[in-house]
Protein backbone atom coordinates (compact mmCIF):
# COMPACT_ATOMS: atom_id res chain seq x y z
CA MET A 1 -2.21 -176.70 -4.97
CA THR A 2 -3.77 -179.15 -2.39
CA ARG A 3 -3.75 -178.59 1.33
CA ASP A 4 -1.47 -181.50 1.87
CA ARG A 5 0.99 -180.09 -0.69
CA VAL A 6 1.02 -176.63 0.98
CA ASN A 7 1.53 -178.43 4.53
CA GLY A 8 4.49 -180.27 3.25
CA ILE A 9 6.01 -177.09 1.87
CA ILE A 10 5.43 -175.38 5.29
CA ILE A 11 7.00 -178.25 7.20
CA GLY A 12 10.11 -178.17 4.98
CA VAL A 13 10.50 -174.59 5.25
CA PHE A 14 10.15 -174.91 9.02
CA TYR A 15 12.90 -177.54 9.13
CA ILE A 16 15.22 -175.29 7.10
CA VAL A 17 14.59 -172.11 9.14
CA ALA A 18 15.27 -174.24 12.38
CA ALA A 19 18.55 -175.45 11.02
CA VAL A 20 19.61 -171.88 9.98
CA THR A 21 18.71 -170.25 13.24
CA SER A 22 20.20 -172.82 15.51
CA ILE A 23 23.55 -172.29 13.66
CA ILE A 24 23.43 -168.60 13.89
CA ALA A 25 22.61 -168.72 17.57
CA VAL A 26 25.52 -170.85 18.48
CA VAL A 27 27.87 -168.51 16.47
CA LEU A 28 26.59 -165.39 18.05
CA TYR A 29 26.63 -166.82 21.63
CA LYS A 30 30.35 -167.31 21.51
CA PRO A 31 31.29 -164.15 23.46
CA VAL A 32 29.11 -164.78 26.36
CA LEU A 33 30.16 -168.57 26.62
CA SER A 34 33.81 -167.58 26.72
CA ASP A 35 36.08 -167.36 29.88
CA GLN A 36 35.77 -163.62 29.80
CA TRP A 37 31.92 -163.63 29.17
CA TYR A 38 31.53 -160.71 31.62
CA MET A 39 33.42 -158.50 28.98
CA THR A 40 30.71 -159.33 26.47
CA VAL A 41 29.07 -155.72 26.69
CA ILE A 42 32.38 -153.85 27.13
CA ASN A 43 33.68 -155.53 23.97
CA GLY A 44 30.53 -154.38 21.94
CA HIS A 45 28.97 -158.09 21.68
CA GLU A 46 25.64 -157.28 23.39
CA THR A 47 23.71 -156.81 19.99
CA ASN A 48 25.18 -160.07 18.77
CA VAL A 49 24.00 -162.08 21.81
CA LEU A 50 20.51 -160.50 21.54
CA LEU A 51 20.36 -161.54 17.97
CA GLY A 52 21.35 -165.07 18.90
CA ALA A 53 18.58 -165.20 21.44
CA ILE A 54 16.07 -164.00 18.86
CA ASN A 55 17.32 -166.79 16.56
CA ASP A 56 16.99 -169.37 19.32
CA LEU A 57 13.47 -168.22 20.02
CA LEU A 58 12.67 -168.51 16.26
CA LEU A 59 14.11 -172.04 16.58
CA VAL A 60 11.66 -172.89 19.38
CA VAL A 61 8.78 -171.69 17.16
CA MET A 62 9.96 -173.76 14.19
CA ALA A 63 10.50 -176.95 16.34
CA ILE A 64 7.01 -176.62 17.76
CA GLY A 65 5.74 -175.70 14.22
CA THR A 66 7.04 -178.97 12.67
CA ALA A 67 5.64 -181.07 15.49
CA VAL A 68 2.08 -179.50 15.16
CA MET A 69 2.18 -179.69 11.34
CA LEU A 70 3.44 -183.32 11.30
CA PHE A 71 1.09 -184.56 14.01
CA PRO A 72 -2.16 -185.04 12.08
CA TYR A 73 -0.43 -187.16 9.47
CA LEU A 74 1.44 -189.28 11.99
CA ARG A 75 -1.38 -189.96 14.21
CA ARG A 76 -3.37 -191.80 11.66
CA TRP A 77 -0.87 -194.72 11.81
CA ASN A 78 -0.34 -194.80 15.66
CA GLU A 79 -1.70 -191.99 17.82
CA HIS A 80 0.34 -193.12 21.04
CA ILE A 81 3.60 -193.02 19.19
CA ALA A 82 2.73 -189.72 17.53
CA LEU A 83 1.85 -188.20 20.84
CA GLY A 84 5.23 -189.38 22.17
CA TYR A 85 6.84 -187.57 19.35
CA LEU A 86 4.84 -184.37 20.02
CA CYS A 87 5.72 -184.43 23.63
CA PHE A 88 9.44 -185.00 23.10
CA ARG A 89 9.54 -182.32 20.49
CA PHE A 90 7.91 -179.96 22.96
CA MET A 91 10.35 -180.83 25.57
CA GLU A 92 13.21 -180.03 23.13
CA ALA A 93 11.80 -176.65 22.70
CA VAL A 94 11.47 -176.08 26.43
CA PHE A 95 15.16 -177.07 27.06
CA ILE A 96 16.14 -174.60 24.25
CA ALA A 97 14.04 -171.93 25.87
CA ILE A 98 15.73 -172.48 29.21
CA GLY A 99 19.05 -172.18 27.53
CA ILE A 100 17.93 -168.81 26.16
CA VAL A 101 17.17 -167.59 29.69
CA SER A 102 20.56 -168.66 30.92
CA ILE A 103 22.27 -166.66 28.02
CA LEU A 104 20.10 -163.66 28.78
CA GLY A 105 21.12 -163.87 32.41
CA LEU A 106 24.81 -163.95 31.53
CA LEU A 107 24.24 -160.81 29.25
CA SER A 108 22.47 -159.09 32.04
CA ILE A 109 25.32 -159.56 34.52
CA SER A 110 27.74 -158.35 31.84
CA ILE A 111 25.66 -155.25 31.40
CA GLN A 112 25.98 -154.68 35.31
CA TYR A 113 29.69 -155.32 35.12
CA GLU A 114 30.15 -152.65 32.34
CA THR A 115 28.23 -150.13 34.56
CA GLY A 116 30.34 -151.06 37.62
CA ASP A 117 27.34 -152.40 39.58
CA PHE A 118 28.65 -155.74 39.82
CA THR A 119 32.22 -155.69 41.34
CA ASN A 120 32.52 -158.88 43.44
CA GLU A 121 34.76 -161.07 41.28
CA GLU A 122 34.44 -164.21 43.25
CA ASN A 123 30.49 -164.09 42.88
CA LEU A 124 30.93 -163.08 39.31
CA SER A 125 32.89 -166.27 38.41
CA ALA A 126 30.54 -168.52 40.29
CA ILE A 127 27.36 -167.13 38.69
CA GLY A 128 28.94 -167.20 35.34
CA PHE A 129 30.13 -170.81 35.64
CA MET A 130 26.56 -171.78 36.82
CA LEU A 131 24.75 -170.01 33.97
CA GLN A 132 27.13 -171.33 31.36
CA SER A 133 26.83 -174.89 32.72
CA LEU A 134 23.07 -174.59 32.66
CA TYR A 135 23.20 -173.53 28.91
CA ARG A 136 25.50 -176.48 28.00
CA TRP A 137 23.20 -179.02 29.94
CA THR A 138 19.99 -177.66 28.30
CA SER A 139 21.96 -177.92 24.92
CA GLN A 140 22.75 -181.51 25.54
CA LEU A 141 19.33 -182.53 26.93
CA GLY A 142 17.46 -180.67 24.15
CA PRO A 143 19.13 -180.81 20.76
CA ASN A 144 20.70 -184.17 21.61
CA PHE A 145 18.52 -186.41 23.84
CA MET A 146 15.09 -185.11 23.13
CA LEU A 147 16.03 -184.50 19.48
CA GLY A 148 17.08 -188.04 19.23
CA LEU A 149 13.93 -189.41 20.74
CA ASN A 150 11.51 -187.40 18.78
CA THR A 151 13.33 -188.04 15.58
CA VAL A 152 13.33 -191.85 15.86
CA LEU A 153 9.64 -191.71 16.69
CA TYR A 154 8.47 -189.69 13.85
CA SER A 155 10.86 -191.22 11.41
CA TYR A 156 9.47 -194.63 12.32
CA LEU A 157 6.00 -193.42 11.75
CA LEU A 158 6.98 -191.99 8.40
CA PHE A 159 8.57 -195.25 7.42
CA ARG A 160 5.42 -197.21 8.43
CA THR A 161 3.15 -194.80 6.51
CA ALA A 162 5.51 -194.57 3.55
CA ILE A 163 4.30 -190.84 2.77
CA VAL A 164 8.03 -190.13 2.26
CA PRO A 165 10.42 -192.55 0.85
CA LYS A 166 11.16 -195.45 3.29
CA LEU A 167 14.85 -195.15 2.70
CA LEU A 168 14.85 -191.58 3.81
CA ALA A 169 12.80 -192.45 7.00
CA LEU A 170 15.11 -195.21 7.73
CA PHE A 171 18.09 -192.92 7.54
CA GLY A 172 16.30 -190.74 9.85
CA MET A 173 15.95 -193.52 12.49
CA ILE A 174 19.63 -194.20 12.08
CA THR A 175 20.67 -190.50 12.51
CA ALA A 176 18.41 -190.20 15.65
CA VAL A 177 20.31 -192.92 17.28
CA MET A 178 23.53 -191.39 16.51
CA VAL A 179 22.71 -187.92 17.84
CA PHE A 180 21.38 -189.73 21.06
CA ILE A 181 24.72 -191.55 21.40
CA ALA A 182 26.59 -188.13 20.78
CA GLY A 183 24.65 -186.72 23.88
CA LEU A 184 25.66 -189.63 25.89
CA LEU A 185 29.34 -189.45 24.96
CA GLU A 186 29.24 -185.81 25.90
CA MET A 187 27.46 -186.40 29.30
CA PHE A 188 30.15 -188.82 30.26
CA GLY A 189 32.92 -186.53 29.21
CA LEU A 190 34.14 -188.81 26.31
CA VAL A 191 33.75 -186.04 23.63
CA GLU A 192 33.79 -182.23 23.96
CA PRO A 193 30.49 -180.20 23.28
CA TYR A 194 31.83 -178.60 20.09
CA SER A 195 34.55 -181.24 18.99
CA ALA A 196 34.90 -182.49 15.66
CA VAL A 197 34.16 -186.16 16.82
CA LYS A 198 30.83 -185.04 18.21
CA GLY A 199 30.14 -183.05 15.16
CA LEU A 200 30.74 -186.09 12.99
CA ILE A 201 28.45 -188.26 14.96
CA ALA A 202 25.63 -185.55 15.24
CA LEU A 203 25.77 -184.00 11.88
CA PRO A 204 23.88 -186.71 10.01
CA VAL A 205 20.68 -185.89 11.75
CA GLY A 206 21.01 -182.35 10.32
CA VAL A 207 21.55 -183.82 6.85
CA TYR A 208 18.51 -186.00 7.34
CA GLU A 209 16.24 -183.04 8.32
CA MET A 210 17.49 -181.03 5.37
CA SER A 211 16.97 -183.90 3.13
CA LEU A 212 13.47 -184.52 4.53
CA ALA A 213 12.82 -180.65 4.02
CA PHE A 214 13.83 -180.55 0.58
CA TRP A 215 11.75 -183.61 -0.30
CA LEU A 216 8.67 -182.16 1.19
CA ILE A 217 9.17 -178.76 -0.49
CA VAL A 218 9.96 -180.35 -3.95
CA LYS A 219 7.92 -183.62 -3.95
CA GLY A 220 5.56 -183.37 -1.02
CA PHE A 221 3.88 -186.43 0.64
CA HIS A 222 3.42 -189.49 -1.40
CA LYS A 223 -0.19 -189.04 -2.67
CA LYS A 224 -0.98 -192.75 -3.09
CA ASN A 225 0.06 -193.74 0.50
CA LEU A 226 -1.32 -190.51 1.88
CA GLY A 227 -4.75 -191.52 0.41
CA LYS A 228 -4.49 -194.81 1.99
CA LEU A 229 -3.63 -193.34 5.38
CA LYS A 230 -6.66 -191.09 5.34
CA ALA A 231 -8.82 -194.03 4.37
CA LYS A 232 -8.03 -195.85 7.53
């Protein structure tokens, strides 16, 4: 098995793990993002939230991993665009990491509330609202705006290099625009963060990433076009 074949499999696995961990994190965060978030520890959900944070940390690693693994191939066609993709992917990871910190902040206050160390209800509500808002903004700016930007850049380069099917890369560019639009609609309050409408608009980018992942795992990069790319 060639090095490029192995790299394709690794990239595909990274995309799948990233998708799975992101979904798990959102599900496990529900108690700490509810109106009664301060009851998270009392209700016995502390472990769930911590597991969600671990999944999000793994998501950060996978996001950076896909960028680092793809960059050497993309830069052969246009290094400037490839660098743009790398930077926006890193920014997506940074926003996710900031969101994790806000979640852990909420959990820490919930622990204090459970022990009776935090009794000021007015401050409790204000701090909770601030940290929850911070998480929602980072979710919007990272997995919406930054994801849209980096996806359209690397999909464009995949389209030009043709190291994966051009139709697949074109689908990626379309889904990138869609997830970016979903972020804009949420920003202006036209759709709710977890509404069905937003899900329908943003879901195709997930379908694209899974399609790309399975293609790279099963088929790998197009050898002929990859050879032409290396010859440049």
